[in-house]
């Protein structure tokens, strides 16, 4: 096993720590993973790599949002099946439509090769 080292200033290190934390990785694991990924594909630009991170962040946000909406939709279905009046049905369905539109827009931007997803 080899253990390379590098030097960075405090701001750079804090950026690295935040990135590793966001990925739920140790600093060493994050650094190794990022460096090896970049080394295996030297044709990629920094912008492409940054865009990939934005894609992952957006997908996590969408997954969280869809989970919340799914819970609300299940509550509406349960109440409706029990014969209850469900005054917020329209709001939940509107949220489902907004989430679907967000996924559709993001996917289209990503497929079109935009550098900053909506």
PDB file of N, CA and C in Angstrom:
ATOM      1  N   UNK A   1       0.844  -1.183   0.000  1.00  0.00           N
ATOM      2  CA  UNK A   1       0.000   0.000   0.000  1.00  0.00           C
ATOM      3  C   UNK A   1       0.886   1.241   0.000  1.00  0.00           C
ATOM      4  N   UNK A   2       0.477   2.226  -0.756  1.00  0.00           N
ATOM      5  CA  UNK A   2       1.184   3.503  -0.811  1.00  0.00           C
ATOM      6  C   UNK A   2       0.310   4.564  -0.141  1.00  0.00           C
ATOM      7  N   UNK A   3       0.929   5.564   0.443  1.00  0.00           N
ATOM      8  CA  UNK A   3       0.200   6.629   1.103  1.00  0.00           C
ATOM      9  C   UNK A   3       0.745   7.976   0.633  1.00  0.00           C
ATOM     10  N   UNK A   4       0.222   8.455  -0.516  1.00  0.00           N
ATOM     11  CA  UNK A   4       0.680   9.761  -1.001  1.00  0.00           C
ATOM     12  C   UNK A   4       0.173  10.877  -0.080  1.00  0.00           C
ATOM     13  N   UNK A   5       0.868  11.993  -0.111  1.00  0.00           N
ATOM     14  CA  UNK A   5       0.419  13.128   0.682  1.00  0.00           C
ATOM     15  C   UNK A   5       0.398  14.370  -0.201  1.00  0.00           C
ATOM     16  N   UNK A   6      -0.326  15.365   0.227  1.00  0.00           N
ATOM     17  CA  UNK A   6      -0.383  16.633  -0.505  1.00  0.00           C
ATOM     18  C   UNK A   6      -0.538  17.759   0.507  1.00  0.00           C
ATOM     19  N   UNK A   7      -0.251  18.946   0.035  1.00  0.00           N
ATOM     20  CA  UNK A   7      -0.381  20.123   0.892  1.00  0.00           C
ATOM     21  C   UNK A   7      -1.487  21.005   0.342  1.00  0.00           C
ATOM     22  N   UNK A   8      -2.218  21.650   1.261  1.00  0.00           N
ATOM     23  CA  UNK A   8      -3.267  22.597   0.865  1.00  0.00           C
ATOM     24  C   UNK A   8      -3.433  23.608   1.985  1.00  0.00           C
ATOM     25  N   UNK A   9      -3.965  24.765   1.617  1.00  0.00           N
ATOM     26  CA  UNK A   9      -4.196  25.783   2.643  1.00  0.00           C
ATOM     27  C   UNK A   9      -5.470  25.441   3.425  1.00  0.00           C
ATOM     28  N   UNK A  10      -5.763  26.219   4.455  1.00  0.00           N
ATOM     29  CA  UNK A  10      -6.921  25.938   5.311  1.00  0.00           C
ATOM     30  C   UNK A  10      -8.234  25.959   4.542  1.00  0.00           C
ATOM     31  N   UNK A  11      -8.408  26.935   3.647  1.00  0.00           N
ATOM     32  CA  UNK A  11      -9.650  27.020   2.863  1.00  0.00           C
ATOM     33  C   UNK A  11      -9.827  25.798   1.973  1.00  0.00           C
ATOM     34  N   UNK A  12      -8.753  25.380   1.326  1.00  0.00           N
ATOM     35  CA  UNK A  12      -8.828  24.198   0.464  1.00  0.00           C
ATOM     36  C   UNK A  12      -9.151  22.954   1.281  1.00  0.00           C
ATOM     37  N   UNK A  13      -8.531  22.842   2.452  1.00  0.00           N
ATOM     38  CA  UNK A  13      -8.791  21.684   3.299  1.00  0.00           C
ATOM     39  C   UNK A  13     -10.244  21.661   3.780  1.00  0.00           C
ATOM     40  N   UNK A  14     -10.760  22.808   4.187  1.00  0.00           N
ATOM     41  CA  UNK A  14     -12.157  22.871   4.641  1.00  0.00           C
ATOM     42  C   UNK A  14     -13.115  22.507   3.506  1.00  0.00           C
ATOM     43  N   UNK A  15     -12.804  22.934   2.298  1.00  0.00           N
ATOM     44  CA  UNK A  15     -13.608  22.556   1.127  1.00  0.00           C
ATOM     45  C   UNK A  15     -13.591  21.042   0.949  1.00  0.00           C
ATOM     46  N   UNK A  16     -12.429  20.442   1.102  1.00  0.00           N
ATOM     47  CA  UNK A  16     -12.286  18.996   1.004  1.00  0.00           C
ATOM     48  C   UNK A  16     -13.076  18.284   2.100  1.00  0.00           C
ATOM     49  N   UNK A  17     -13.001  18.797   3.308  1.00  0.00           N
ATOM     50  CA  UNK A  17     -13.727  18.204   4.437  1.00  0.00           C
ATOM     51  C   UNK A  17     -15.240  18.258   4.182  1.00  0.00           C
ATOM     52  N   UNK A  18     -15.738  19.403   3.712  1.00  0.00           N
ATOM     53  CA  UNK A  18     -17.176  19.543   3.430  1.00  0.00           C
ATOM     54  C   UNK A  18     -17.609  18.592   2.307  1.00  0.00           C
ATOM     55  N   UNK A  19     -16.783  18.479   1.267  1.00  0.00           N
ATOM     56  CA  UNK A  19     -17.116  17.588   0.154  1.00  0.00           C
ATOM     57  C   UNK A  19     -17.151  16.134   0.618  1.00  0.00           C
ATOM     58  N   UNK A  20     -16.179  15.739   1.398  1.00  0.00           N
ATOM     59  CA  UNK A  20     -16.145  14.366   1.912  1.00  0.00           C
ATOM     60  C   UNK A  20     -17.362  14.093   2.791  1.00  0.00           C
ATOM     61  N   UNK A  21     -17.696  15.053   3.639  1.00  0.00           N
ATOM     62  CA  UNK A  21     -18.856  14.907   4.514  1.00  0.00           C
ATOM     63  C   UNK A  21     -20.150  14.790   3.710  1.00  0.00           C
ATOM     64  N   UNK A  22     -20.285  15.614   2.678  1.00  0.00           N
ATOM     65  CA  UNK A  22     -21.491  15.566   1.836  1.00  0.00           C
ATOM     66  C   UNK A  22     -21.647  14.209   1.161  1.00  0.00           C
ATOM     67  N   UNK A  23     -20.522  13.556   0.895  1.00  0.00           N
ATOM     68  CA  UNK A  23     -20.548  12.236   0.260  1.00  0.00           C
ATOM     69  C   UNK A  23     -20.529  11.106   1.286  1.00  0.00           C
ATOM     70  N   UNK A  24     -20.536  11.471   2.563  1.00  0.00           N
ATOM     71  CA  UNK A  24     -20.484  10.498   3.664  1.00  0.00           C
ATOM     72  C   UNK A  24     -19.252   9.591   3.540  1.00  0.00           C
ATOM     73  N   UNK A  25     -18.119  10.258   3.296  1.00  0.00           N
ATOM     74  CA  UNK A  25     -16.853   9.548   3.172  1.00  0.00           C
ATOM     75  C   UNK A  25     -15.829  10.210   4.092  1.00  0.00           C
ATOM     76  N   UNK A  26     -14.799   9.467   4.424  1.00  0.00           N
ATOM     77  CA  UNK A  26     -13.685  10.087   5.140  1.00  0.00           C
ATOM     78  C   UNK A  26     -12.936  10.968   4.146  1.00  0.00           C
ATOM     79  N   UNK A  27     -12.143  11.889   4.692  1.00  0.00           N
ATOM     80  CA  UNK A  27     -11.356  12.769   3.821  1.00  0.00           C
ATOM     81  C   UNK A  27     -10.411  11.927   2.964  1.00  0.00           C
ATOM     82  N   UNK A  28      -9.757  10.950   3.560  1.00  0.00           N
ATOM     83  CA  UNK A  28      -8.813  10.109   2.816  1.00  0.00           C
ATOM     84  C   UNK A  28      -9.520   9.324   1.712  1.00  0.00           C
ATOM     85  N   UNK A  29     -10.677   8.752   2.019  1.00  0.00           N
ATOM     86  CA  UNK A  29     -11.426   7.996   1.008  1.00  0.00           C
ATOM     87  C   UNK A  29     -11.899   8.898  -0.120  1.00  0.00           C
ATOM     88  N   UNK A  30     -12.411  10.069   0.254  1.00  0.00           N
ATOM     89  CA  UNK A  30     -12.880  11.003  -0.761  1.00  0.00           C
ATOM     90  C   UNK A  30     -11.739  11.439  -1.667  1.00  0.00           C
ATOM     91  N   UNK A  31     -10.619  11.779  -1.069  1.00  0.00           N
ATOM     92  CA  UNK A  31      -9.461  12.227  -1.833  1.00  0.00           C
ATOM     93  C   UNK A  31      -8.980  11.126  -2.778  1.00  0.00           C
ATOM     94  N   UNK A  32      -8.868   9.909  -2.284  1.00  0.00           N
ATOM     95  CA  UNK A  32      -8.438   8.789  -3.122  1.00  0.00           C
ATOM     96  C   UNK A  32      -9.436   8.533  -4.250  1.00  0.00           C
ATOM     97  N   UNK A  33     -10.732   8.514  -3.908  1.00  0.00           N
ATOM     98  CA  UNK A  33     -11.770   8.251  -4.904  1.00  0.00           C
ATOM     99  C   UNK A  33     -11.766   9.323  -5.995  1.00  0.00           C
ATOM    100  N   UNK A  34     -11.720  10.580  -5.589  1.00  0.00           N
ATOM    101  CA  UNK A  34     -11.755  11.680  -6.558  1.00  0.00           C
ATOM    102  C   UNK A  34     -10.504  11.684  -7.431  1.00  0.00           C
ATOM    103  N   UNK A  35      -9.356  11.475  -6.824  1.00  0.00           N
ATOM    104  CA  UNK A  35      -8.105  11.492  -7.587  1.00  0.00           C
ATOM    105  C   UNK A  35      -8.050  10.338  -8.578  1.00  0.00           C
ATOM    106  N   UNK A  36      -8.448   9.152  -8.151  1.00  0.00           N
ATOM    107  CA  UNK A  36      -8.421   8.004  -9.058  1.00  0.00           C
ATOM    108  C   UNK A  36      -9.428   8.148 -10.190  1.00  0.00           C
ATOM    109  N   UNK A  37     -10.599   8.689  -9.882  1.00  0.00           N
ATOM    110  CA  UNK A  37     -11.597   8.900 -10.929  1.00  0.00           C
ATOM    111  C   UNK A  37     -11.069   9.884 -11.969  1.00  0.00           C
ATOM    112  N   UNK A  38     -10.452  10.962 -11.528  1.00  0.00           N
ATOM    113  CA  UNK A  38      -9.886  11.943 -12.451  1.00  0.00           C
ATOM    114  C   UNK A  38      -8.726  11.335 -13.238  1.00  0.00           C
ATOM    115  N   UNK A  39      -7.890  10.551 -12.587  1.00  0.00           N
ATOM    116  CA  UNK A  39      -6.731   9.959 -13.245  1.00  0.00           C
ATOM    117  C   UNK A  39      -7.129   8.947 -14.312  1.00  0.00           C
ATOM    118  N   UNK A  40      -8.251   8.291 -14.121  1.00  0.00           N
ATOM    119  CA  UNK A  40      -8.703   7.303 -15.099  1.00  0.00           C
ATOM    120  C   UNK A  40      -9.350   7.928 -16.324  1.00  0.00           C
ATOM    121  N   UNK A  41      -9.707   9.203 -16.236  1.00  0.00           N
ATOM    122  CA  UNK A  41     -10.372   9.874 -17.356  1.00  0.00           C
ATOM    123  C   UNK A  41      -9.802  11.278 -17.510  1.00  0.00           C
ATOM    124  N   UNK A  42      -8.620  11.368 -18.054  1.00  0.00           N
ATOM    125  CA  UNK A  42      -7.929  12.649 -18.176  1.00  0.00           C
ATOM    126  C   UNK A  42      -8.543  13.573 -19.218  1.00  0.00           C
ATOM    127  N   UNK A  43      -9.461  13.068 -20.042  1.00  0.00           N
ATOM    128  CA  UNK A  43     -10.098  13.900 -21.061  1.00  0.00           C
ATOM    129  C   UNK A  43     -11.234  14.751 -20.520  1.00  0.00           C
ATOM    130  N   UNK A  44     -11.696  14.448 -19.307  1.00  0.00           N
ATOM    131  CA  UNK A  44     -12.800  15.212 -18.723  1.00  0.00           C
ATOM    132  C   UNK A  44     -12.297  16.527 -18.175  1.00  0.00           C
ATOM    133  N   UNK A  45     -13.130  17.531 -18.299  1.00  0.00           N
ATOM    134  CA  UNK A  45     -12.765  18.840 -17.758  1.00  0.00           C
ATOM    135  C   UNK A  45     -13.265  18.964 -16.328  1.00  0.00           C
ATOM    136  N   UNK A  46     -12.753  19.941 -15.615  1.00  0.00           N
ATOM    137  CA  UNK A  46     -13.214  20.210 -14.250  1.00  0.00           C
ATOM    138  C   UNK A  46     -14.698  20.556 -14.251  1.00  0.00           C
ATOM    139  N   UNK A  47     -15.164  21.244 -15.290  1.00  0.00           N
ATOM    140  CA  UNK A  47     -16.582  21.604 -15.382  1.00  0.00           C
ATOM    141  C   UNK A  47     -17.450  20.358 -15.480  1.00  0.00           C
ATOM    142  N   UNK A  48     -16.995  19.369 -16.230  1.00  0.00           N
ATOM    143  CA  UNK A  48     -17.768  18.129 -16.340  1.00  0.00           C
ATOM    144  C   UNK A  48     -17.839  17.401 -15.004  1.00  0.00           C
ATOM    145  N   UNK A  49     -16.730  17.397 -14.294  1.00  0.00           N
ATOM    146  CA  UNK A  49     -16.705  16.746 -12.985  1.00  0.00           C
ATOM    147  C   UNK A  49     -17.610  17.487 -12.001  1.00  0.00           C
ATOM    148  N   UNK A  50     -17.585  18.816 -12.024  1.00  0.00           N
ATOM    149  CA  UNK A  50     -18.449  19.614 -11.150  1.00  0.00           C
ATOM    150  C   UNK A  50     -19.913  19.377 -11.487  1.00  0.00           C
ATOM    151  N   UNK A  51     -20.221  19.283 -12.772  1.00  0.00           N
ATOM    152  CA  UNK A  51     -21.599  19.028 -13.196  1.00  0.00           C
ATOM    153  C   UNK A  51     -22.075  17.683 -12.685  1.00  0.00           C
ATOM    154  N   UNK A  52     -21.206  16.694 -12.700  1.00  0.00           N
ATOM    155  CA  UNK A  52     -21.570  15.376 -12.197  1.00  0.00           C
ATOM    156  C   UNK A  52     -21.962  15.458 -10.719  1.00  0.00           C
ATOM    157  N   UNK A  53     -21.237  16.251  -9.948  1.00  0.00           N
ATOM    158  CA  UNK A  53     -21.564  16.420  -8.527  1.00  0.00           C
ATOM    159  C   UNK A  53     -22.932  17.087  -8.375  1.00  0.00           C
ATOM    160  N   UNK A  54     -23.218  18.081  -9.208  1.00  0.00           N
ATOM    161  CA  UNK A  54     -24.524  18.740  -9.169  1.00  0.00           C
ATOM    162  C   UNK A  54     -25.629  17.744  -9.498  1.00  0.00           C
ATOM    163  N   UNK A  55     -25.371  16.846 -10.430  1.00  0.00           N
ATOM    164  CA  UNK A  55     -26.356  15.829 -10.796  1.00  0.00           C
ATOM    165  C   UNK A  55     -26.660  14.947  -9.589  1.00  0.00           C
ATOM    166  N   UNK A  56     -25.631  14.488  -8.919  1.00  0.00           N
ATOM    167  CA  UNK A  56     -25.819  13.636  -7.748  1.00  0.00           C
ATOM    168  C   UNK A  56     -26.587  14.380  -6.656  1.00  0.00           C
ATOM    169  N   UNK A  57     -26.213  15.637  -6.386  1.00  0.00           N
ATOM    170  CA  UNK A  57     -26.921  16.432  -5.375  1.00  0.00           C
ATOM    171  C   UNK A  57     -28.386  16.603  -5.742  1.00  0.00           C
ATOM    172  N   UNK A  58     -28.657  16.895  -7.006  1.00  0.00           N
ATOM    173  CA  UNK A  58     -30.040  17.079  -7.447  1.00  0.00           C
ATOM    174  C   UNK A  58     -30.836  15.784  -7.318  1.00  0.00           C
ATOM    175  N   UNK A  59     -30.226  14.654  -7.659  1.00  0.00           N
ATOM    176  CA  UNK A  59     -30.923  13.376  -7.545  1.00  0.00           C
ATOM    177  C   UNK A  59     -31.259  13.050  -6.091  1.00  0.00           C
ATOM    178  N   UNK A  60     -30.346  13.352  -5.168  1.00  0.00           N
ATOM    179  CA  UNK A  60     -30.648  13.137  -3.753  1.00  0.00           C
ATOM    180  C   UNK A  60     -31.797  14.031  -3.301  1.00  0.00           C
ATOM    181  N   UNK A  61     -31.812  15.283  -3.757  1.00  0.00           N
ATOM    182  CA  UNK A  61     -32.892  16.205  -3.396  1.00  0.00           C
ATOM    183  C   UNK A  61     -34.225  15.716  -3.949  1.00  0.00           C
ATOM    184  N   UNK A  62     -34.212  15.257  -5.179  1.00  0.00           N
ATOM    185  CA  UNK A  62     -35.447  14.753  -5.799  1.00  0.00           C
ATOM    186  C   UNK A  62     -35.939  13.519  -5.050  1.00  0.00           C
ATOM    187  N   UNK A  63     -35.022  12.633  -4.686  1.00  0.00           N
ATOM    188  CA  UNK A  63     -35.421  11.421  -3.969  1.00  0.00           C
ATOM    189  C   UNK A  63     -36.079  11.761  -2.633  1.00  0.00           C
ATOM    190  N   UNK A  64     -35.484  12.721  -1.906  1.00  0.00           N
ATOM    191  CA  UNK A  64     -36.080  13.160  -0.631  1.00  0.00           C
ATOM    192  C   UNK A  64     -37.466  13.742  -0.850  1.00  0.00           C
ATOM    193  N   UNK A  65     -37.576  14.607  -1.856  1.00  0.00           N
ATOM    194  CA  UNK A  65     -38.844  15.272  -2.151  1.00  0.00           C
ATOM    195  C   UNK A  65     -39.915  14.248  -2.529  1.00  0.00           C
ATOM    196  N   UNK A  66     -39.563  13.302  -3.377  1.00  0.00           N
ATOM    197  CA  UNK A  66     -40.528  12.279  -3.785  1.00  0.00           C
ATOM    198  C   UNK A  66     -40.945  11.404  -2.606  1.00  0.00           C
ATOM    199  N   UNK A  67     -40.030  11.148  -1.687  1.00  0.00           N
ATOM    200  CA  UNK A  67     -40.378  10.376  -0.495  1.00  0.00           C
ATOM    201  C   UNK A  67     -41.406  11.097   0.356  1.00  0.00           C
ATOM    202  N   UNK A  68     -41.227  12.405   0.523  1.00  0.00           N
ATOM    203  CA  UNK A  68     -42.186  13.198   1.299  1.00  0.00           C
ATOM    204  C   UNK A  68     -43.554  13.213   0.613  1.00  0.00           C
ATOM    205  N   UNK A  69     -43.538  13.402  -0.685  1.00  0.00           N
ATOM    206  CA  UNK A  69     -44.800  13.415  -1.429  1.00  0.00           C
ATOM    207  C   UNK A  69     -45.476  12.054  -1.372  1.00  0.00           C
ATOM    208  N   UNK A  70     -44.674  10.996  -1.472  1.00  0.00           N
ATOM    209  CA  UNK A  70     -45.236   9.639  -1.386  1.00  0.00           C
ATOM    210  C   UNK A  70     -45.933   9.396  -0.057  1.00  0.00           C
ATOM    211  N   UNK A  71     -45.326   9.881   1.017  1.00  0.00           N
ATOM    212  CA  UNK A  71     -45.967   9.747   2.335  1.00  0.00           C
ATOM    213  C   UNK A  71     -47.300  10.481   2.364  1.00  0.00           C
ATOM    214  N   UNK A  72     -47.321  11.701   1.840  1.00  0.00           N
ATOM    215  CA  UNK A  72     -48.566  12.471   1.809  1.00  0.00           C
ATOM    216  C   UNK A  72     -49.620  11.780   0.957  1.00  0.00           C
ATOM    217  N   UNK A  73     -49.206  11.263  -0.172  1.00  0.00           N
ATOM    218  CA  UNK A  73     -50.147  10.583  -1.068  1.00  0.00           C
ATOM    219  C   UNK A  73     -50.714   9.326  -0.405  1.00  0.00           C
ATOM    220  N   UNK A  74     -49.885   8.591   0.319  1.00  0.00           N
ATOM    221  CA  UNK A  74     -50.367   7.410   1.046  1.00  0.00           C
ATOM    222  C   UNK A  74     -51.387   7.798   2.111  1.00  0.00           C
ATOM    223  N   UNK A  75     -51.155   8.912   2.794  1.00  0.00           N
ATOM    224  CA  UNK A  75     -52.110   9.369   3.807  1.00  0.00           C
ATOM    225  C   UNK A  75     -53.443   9.753   3.162  1.00  0.00           C
ATOM    226  N   UNK A  76     -53.379  10.419   2.005  1.00  0.00           N
ATOM    227  CA  UNK A  76     -54.610  10.787   1.281  1.00  0.00           C
ATOM    228  C   UNK A  76     -55.358   9.535   0.859  1.00  0.00           C
ATOM    229  N   UNK A  77     -54.641   8.556   0.313  1.00  0.00           N
ATOM    230  CA  UNK A  77     -55.288   7.318  -0.133  1.00  0.00           C
ATOM    231  C   UNK A  77     -55.926   6.581   1.044  1.00  0.00           C
ATOM    232  N   UNK A  78     -55.218   6.511   2.160  1.00  0.00           N
ATOM    233  CA  UNK A  78     -55.749   5.825   3.344  1.00  0.00           C
ATOM    234  C   UNK A  78     -57.019   6.515   3.836  1.00  0.00           C
ATOM    235  N   UNK A  79     -56.993   7.838   3.919  1.00  0.00           N
ATOM    236  CA  UNK A  79     -58.162   8.583   4.389  1.00  0.00           C
ATOM    237  C   UNK A  79     -59.326   8.448   3.408  1.00  0.00           C
ATOM    238  N   UNK A  80     -59.032   8.521   2.124  1.00  0.00           N
ATOM    239  CA  UNK A  80     -60.084   8.388   1.107  1.00  0.00           C
ATOM    240  C   UNK A  80     -60.722   7.007   1.170  1.00  0.00           C
ATOM    241  N   UNK A  81     -59.898   5.974   1.290  1.00  0.00           N
ATOM    242  CA  UNK A  81     -60.418   4.607   1.379  1.00  0.00           C
ATOM    243  C   UNK A  81     -61.233   4.378   2.645  1.00  0.00           C
ATOM    244  N   UNK A  82     -60.980   5.160   3.673  1.00  0.00           N
ATOM    245  CA  UNK A  82     -61.735   5.042   4.922  1.00  0.00           C
ATOM    246  C   UNK A  82     -63.014   5.887   4.884  1.00  0.00           C
ATOM    247  N   UNK A  83     -63.239   6.575   3.754  1.00  0.00           N
ATOM    248  CA  UNK A  83     -64.445   7.376   3.606  1.00  0.00           C
ATOM    249  C   UNK A  83     -64.342   8.773   4.171  1.00  0.00           C
ATOM    250  N   UNK A  84     -63.159   9.191   4.551  1.00  0.00           N
ATOM    251  CA  UNK A  84     -62.983  10.518   5.132  1.00  0.00           C
ATOM    252  C   UNK A  84     -62.958  11.584   4.040  1.00  0.00           C
ATOM    253  N   UNK A  85     -63.310  12.786   4.446  1.00  0.00           N
ATOM    254  CA  UNK A  85     -63.195  13.935   3.551  1.00  0.00           C
ATOM    255  C   UNK A  85     -61.721  14.353   3.562  1.00  0.00           C
ATOM    256  N   UNK A  86     -61.137  14.498   2.377  1.00  0.00           N
ATOM    257  CA  UNK A  86     -59.707  14.823   2.278  1.00  0.00           C
ATOM    258  C   UNK A  86     -59.567  16.148   1.524  1.00  0.00           C
ATOM    259  N   UNK A  87     -59.583  17.259   2.254  1.00  0.00           N
ATOM    260  CA  UNK A  87     -59.573  18.570   1.614  1.00  0.00           C
ATOM    261  C   UNK A  87     -58.245  18.920   0.943  1.00  0.00           C
ATOM    262  N   UNK A  88     -57.163  18.230   1.310  1.00  0.00           N
ATOM    263  CA  UNK A  88     -55.851  18.581   0.770  1.00  0.00           C
ATOM    264  C   UNK A  88     -55.434  17.706  -0.419  1.00  0.00           C
ATOM    265  N   UNK A  89     -56.370  16.953  -0.954  1.00  0.00           N
ATOM    266  CA  UNK A  89     -56.047  16.062  -2.068  1.00  0.00           C
ATOM    267  C   UNK A  89     -55.459  16.829  -3.245  1.00  0.00           C
ATOM    268  N   UNK A  90     -56.063  17.938  -3.598  1.00  0.00           N
ATOM    269  CA  UNK A  90     -55.580  18.728  -4.743  1.00  0.00           C
ATOM    270  C   UNK A  90     -54.163  19.211  -4.511  1.00  0.00           C
ATOM    271  N   UNK A  91     -53.852  19.649  -3.288  1.00  0.00           N
ATOM    272  CA  UNK A  91     -52.500  20.132  -2.985  1.00  0.00           C
ATOM    273  C   UNK A  91     -51.476  19.010  -3.128  1.00  0.00           C
ATOM    274  N   UNK A  92     -51.819  17.807  -2.658  1.00  0.00           N
ATOM    275  CA  UNK A  92     -50.900  16.674  -2.775  1.00  0.00           C
ATOM    276  C   UNK A  92     -50.699  16.305  -4.236  1.00  0.00           C
ATOM    277  N   UNK A  93     -51.767  16.254  -4.998  1.00  0.00           N
ATOM    278  CA  UNK A  93     -51.648  15.916  -6.422  1.00  0.00           C
ATOM    279  C   UNK A  93     -50.859  16.992  -7.176  1.00  0.00           C
ATOM    280  N   UNK A  94     -51.054  18.246  -6.810  1.00  0.00           N
ATOM    281  CA  UNK A  94     -50.260  19.317  -7.429  1.00  0.00           C
ATOM    282  C   UNK A  94     -48.773  19.133  -7.111  1.00  0.00           C
ATOM    283  N   UNK A  95     -48.471  18.719  -5.887  1.00  0.00           N
ATOM    284  CA  UNK A  95     -47.071  18.476  -5.517  1.00  0.00           C
ATOM    285  C   UNK A  95     -46.485  17.331  -6.324  1.00  0.00           C
ATOM    286  N   UNK A  96     -47.271  16.293  -6.569  1.00  0.00           N
ATOM    287  CA  UNK A  96     -46.826  15.172  -7.404  1.00  0.00           C
ATOM    288  C   UNK A  96     -46.507  15.673  -8.812  1.00  0.00           C
ATOM    289  N   UNK A  97     -47.383  16.498  -9.360  1.00  0.00           N
ATOM    290  CA  UNK A  97     -47.155  17.039 -10.705  1.00  0.00           C
ATOM    291  C   UNK A  97     -45.912  17.932 -10.748  1.00  0.00           C
ATOM    292  N   UNK A  98     -45.721  18.763  -9.720  1.00  0.00           N
ATOM    293  CA  UNK A  98     -44.526  19.620  -9.675  1.00  0.00           C
ATOM    294  C   UNK A  98     -43.253  18.784  -9.600  1.00  0.00           C
ATOM    295  N   UNK A  99     -43.288  17.740  -8.785  1.00  0.00           N
ATOM    296  CA  UNK A  99     -42.107  16.877  -8.661  1.00  0.00           C
ATOM    297  C   UNK A  99     -41.810  16.168  -9.981  1.00  0.00           C
ATOM    298  N   UNK A 100     -42.852  15.687 -10.633  1.00  0.00           N
ATOM    299  CA  UNK A 100     -42.655  15.024 -11.926  1.00  0.00           C
ATOM    300  C   UNK A 100     -42.080  16.000 -12.946  1.00  0.00           C
ATOM    301  N   UNK A 101     -42.561  17.239 -12.935  1.00  0.00           N
ATOM    302  CA  UNK A 101     -42.052  18.261 -13.855  1.00  0.00           C
ATOM    303  C   UNK A 101     -40.594  18.575 -13.540  1.00  0.00           C
ATOM    304  N   UNK A 102     -40.262  18.645 -12.251  1.00  0.00           N
ATOM    305  CA  UNK A 102     -38.876  18.918 -11.853  1.00  0.00           C
ATOM    306  C   UNK A 102     -37.946  17.819 -12.365  1.00  0.00           C
ATOM    307  N   UNK A 103     -38.356  16.571 -12.208  1.00  0.00           N
ATOM    308  CA  UNK A 103     -37.550  15.448 -12.690  1.00  0.00           C
ATOM    309  C   UNK A 103     -37.415  15.520 -14.212  1.00  0.00           C
ATOM    310  N   UNK A 104     -38.508  15.789 -14.880  1.00  0.00           N
ATOM    311  CA  UNK A 104     -38.500  15.884 -16.347  1.00  0.00           C
ATOM    312  C   UNK A 104     -37.576  17.016 -16.821  1.00  0.00           C
ATOM    313  N   UNK A 105     -37.680  18.182 -16.200  1.00  0.00           N
ATOM    314  CA  UNK A 105     -36.850  19.333 -16.580  1.00  0.00           C
ATOM    315  C   UNK A 105     -35.386  19.050 -16.325  1.00  0.00           C
ATOM    316  N   UNK A 106     -35.082  18.517 -15.148  1.00  0.00           N
ATOM    317  CA  UNK A 106     -33.700  18.200 -14.817  1.00  0.00           C
ATOM    318  C   UNK A 106     -33.129  17.192 -15.807  1.00  0.00           C
ATOM    319  N   UNK A 107     -33.874  16.147 -16.070  1.00  0.00           N
ATOM    320  CA  UNK A 107     -33.405  15.111 -16.995  1.00  0.00           C
ATOM    321  C   UNK A 107     -33.142  15.683 -18.369  1.00  0.00           C
ATOM    322  N   UNK A 108     -34.056  16.524 -18.855  1.00  0.00           N
ATOM    323  CA  UNK A 108     -33.872  17.116 -20.177  1.00  0.00           C
ATOM    324  C   UNK A 108     -32.635  18.007 -20.223  1.00  0.00           C
ATOM    325  N   UNK A 109     -32.436  18.822 -19.193  1.00  0.00           N
ATOM    326  CA  UNK A 109     -31.238  19.674 -19.122  1.00  0.00           C
ATOM    327  C   UNK A 109     -29.975  18.821 -19.115  1.00  0.00           C
ATOM    328  N   UNK A 110     -30.010  17.757 -18.330  1.00  0.00           N
ATOM    329  CA  UNK A 110     -28.832  16.882 -18.248  1.00  0.00           C
ATOM    330  C   UNK A 110     -28.559  16.221 -19.593  1.00  0.00           C
ATOM    331  N   UNK A 111     -29.602  15.726 -20.238  1.00  0.00           N
ATOM    332  CA  UNK A 111     -29.422  15.062 -21.523  1.00  0.00           C
ATOM    333  C   UNK A 111     -28.990  16.029 -22.609  1.00  0.00           C
ATOM    334  N   UNK A 112     -29.418  17.290 -22.485  1.00  0.00           N
ATOM    335  CA  UNK A 112     -29.018  18.307 -23.463  1.00  0.00           C
ATOM    336  C   UNK A 112     -27.576  18.779 -23.238  1.00  0.00           C
ATOM    337  N   UNK A 113     -26.950  18.327 -22.159  1.00  0.00           N
ATOM    338  CA  UNK A 113     -25.566  18.688 -21.895  1.00  0.00           C
ATOM    339  C   UNK A 113     -25.377  20.058 -21.290  1.00  0.00           C
ATOM    340  N   UNK A 114     -26.397  20.601 -20.659  1.00  0.00           N
ATOM    341  CA  UNK A 114     -26.259  21.887 -19.994  1.00  0.00           C
ATOM    342  C   UNK A 114     -25.322  21.742 -18.821  1.00  0.00           C
ATOM    343  N   UNK A 115     -24.568  22.789 -18.542  1.00  0.00           N
ATOM    344  CA  UNK A 115     -23.615  22.711 -17.433  1.00  0.00           C
ATOM    345  C   UNK A 115     -24.262  22.948 -16.083  1.00  0.00           C
ATOM    346  N   UNK A 116     -25.399  23.597 -16.027  1.00  0.00           N
ATOM    347  CA  UNK A 116     -26.073  23.863 -14.756  1.00  0.00           C
ATOM    348  C   UNK A 116     -27.520  23.424 -14.868  1.00  0.00           C
ATOM    349  N   UNK A 117     -27.865  22.264 -14.247  1.00  0.00           N
ATOM    350  CA  UNK A 117     -29.251  21.807 -14.273  1.00  0.00           C
ATOM    351  C   UNK A 117     -30.188  22.787 -13.584  1.00  0.00           C
ATOM    352  N   UNK A 118     -31.429  22.807 -14.027  1.00  0.00           N
ATOM    353  CA  UNK A 118     -32.430  23.706 -13.430  1.00  0.00           C
ATOM    354  C   UNK A 118     -32.937  23.146 -12.129  1.00  0.00           C
TER     355      UNK A 118
END
